Amino acid sequence: MPIAIYQRMDKFAAHEIQLQKGDILYLFSDGYADQFGGENEKKFKYKPFKQLLLKNAGKPMEVQKEILNNIYEAWKGDLDQIDDVVVLGIKI
């Protein structure tokens, strides 16, 4: 369900998650995973994106930001950006 007015409006469920100091939350749009690029001009996809987040989760947030930016730009290359790209990392 999109977060907007849509043809079919299902109800959203509320979930509570217990967080501990050191936990990291990542909120993101579909823009990073859906970006075309690489050798074959294919989508980056969610599995490699998740692996990228997990691989770098132990690094400082500023370093993670640089890694995500560098990999995204290298992947995209000379192709146009096709969507908004939002990645928000919050460390508790």
Protein backbone atom coordinates (compact mmCIF):
# COMPACT_ATOMS: atom_id res chain seq x y z
CA MET A 1 0.00 0.00 0.00
CA PRO A 2 1.35 3.42 -0.84
CA ILE A 3 1.19 6.06 1.85
CA ALA A 4 -1.29 8.23 -0.02
CA ILE A 5 -4.81 8.12 -1.36
CA TYR A 6 -5.12 5.06 -3.55
CA GLN A 7 -7.84 3.03 -5.27
CA ARG A 8 -7.77 0.36 -2.56
CA MET A 9 -7.25 1.70 0.96
CA ASP A 10 -6.31 -1.11 3.36
CA LYS A 11 -5.72 -0.36 7.02
CA PHE A 12 -2.17 -0.12 8.29
CA ALA A 13 -1.05 -2.25 11.24
CA ALA A 14 0.89 -0.75 14.14
CA HIS A 15 3.92 -2.67 15.40
CA GLU A 16 6.08 -2.02 18.43
CA ILE A 17 9.72 -3.02 18.46
CA GLN A 18 11.93 -2.98 21.54
CA LEU A 19 15.19 -1.27 20.69
CA GLN A 20 18.45 -1.39 22.56
CA LYS A 21 21.43 0.91 22.59
CA GLY A 22 23.53 0.25 19.48
CA ASP A 23 20.62 -0.93 17.31
CA ILE A 24 20.42 0.64 13.87
CA LEU A 25 17.25 1.31 11.89
CA TYR A 26 17.40 1.83 8.14
CA LEU A 27 14.48 3.48 6.36
CA PHE A 28 14.70 3.78 2.59
CA SER A 29 12.76 4.42 -0.59
CA ASP A 30 12.87 2.06 -3.55
CA GLY A 31 15.19 4.39 -5.48
CA TYR A 32 18.53 2.77 -4.57
CA ALA A 33 17.46 -0.81 -5.34
CA ASP A 34 15.58 0.19 -8.51
CA GLN A 35 18.42 2.22 -10.03
CA PHE A 36 19.71 0.89 -13.35
CA GLY A 37 23.46 0.57 -13.80
CA GLY A 38 26.40 -1.76 -13.73
CA GLU A 39 27.89 -3.60 -16.67
CA ASN A 40 24.54 -4.77 -18.03
CA GLU A 41 22.48 -1.70 -17.06
CA LYS A 42 20.25 -3.78 -14.75
CA LYS A 43 18.59 -2.79 -11.47
CA PHE A 44 20.74 -2.84 -8.33
CA LYS A 45 17.98 -4.88 -6.54
CA TYR A 46 17.10 -5.37 -2.87
CA LYS A 47 19.24 -8.39 -1.98
CA PRO A 48 22.56 -6.66 -2.82
CA PHE A 49 21.28 -3.47 -1.15
CA LYS A 50 20.46 -5.37 2.06
CA GLN A 51 23.85 -7.12 1.96
CA LEU A 52 25.55 -3.74 1.53
CA LEU A 53 23.76 -2.35 4.61
CA LEU A 54 24.56 -5.42 6.71
CA LYS A 55 28.20 -5.55 5.62
CA ASN A 56 28.79 -1.95 6.69
CA ALA A 57 26.48 -1.68 9.72
CA GLY A 58 29.41 -1.82 12.18
CA LYS A 59 31.12 1.21 10.65
CA PRO A 60 30.46 4.81 11.74
CA MET A 61 27.34 6.31 10.18
CA GLU A 62 29.32 8.93 8.23
CA VAL A 63 31.47 6.17 6.68
CA GLN A 64 28.33 4.19 5.80
CA LYS A 65 26.96 7.28 4.06
CA GLU A 66 30.12 7.66 1.98
CA ILE A 67 30.14 3.96 1.05
CA LEU A 68 26.47 4.05 -0.01
CA ASN A 69 27.02 7.22 -2.06
CA ASN A 70 30.18 5.90 -3.75
CA ILE A 71 28.65 2.54 -4.65
CA TYR A 72 25.45 4.17 -5.91
CA GLU A 73 27.34 6.62 -8.13
CA ALA A 74 29.64 3.89 -9.46
CA TRP A 75 26.61 1.65 -10.18
CA LYS A 76 24.63 4.41 -11.91
CA GLY A 77 27.60 5.57 -13.95
CA ASP A 78 26.47 7.84 -16.78
CA LEU A 79 22.84 6.67 -16.65
CA ASP A 80 20.12 9.03 -15.46
CA GLN A 81 18.80 8.73 -11.94
CA ILE A 82 15.33 7.23 -12.38
CA ASP A 83 13.73 7.91 -8.98
CA ASP A 84 14.23 9.61 -5.65
CA VAL A 85 16.85 7.92 -3.49
CA VAL A 86 16.36 8.14 0.27
CA VAL A 87 18.35 6.13 2.80
CA LEU A 88 18.03 7.11 6.44
CA GLY A 89 20.10 5.35 9.08
CA ILE A 90 19.33 5.90 12.78
CA LYS A 91 21.64 4.51 15.43
CA ILE A 92 20.10 4.16 18.90
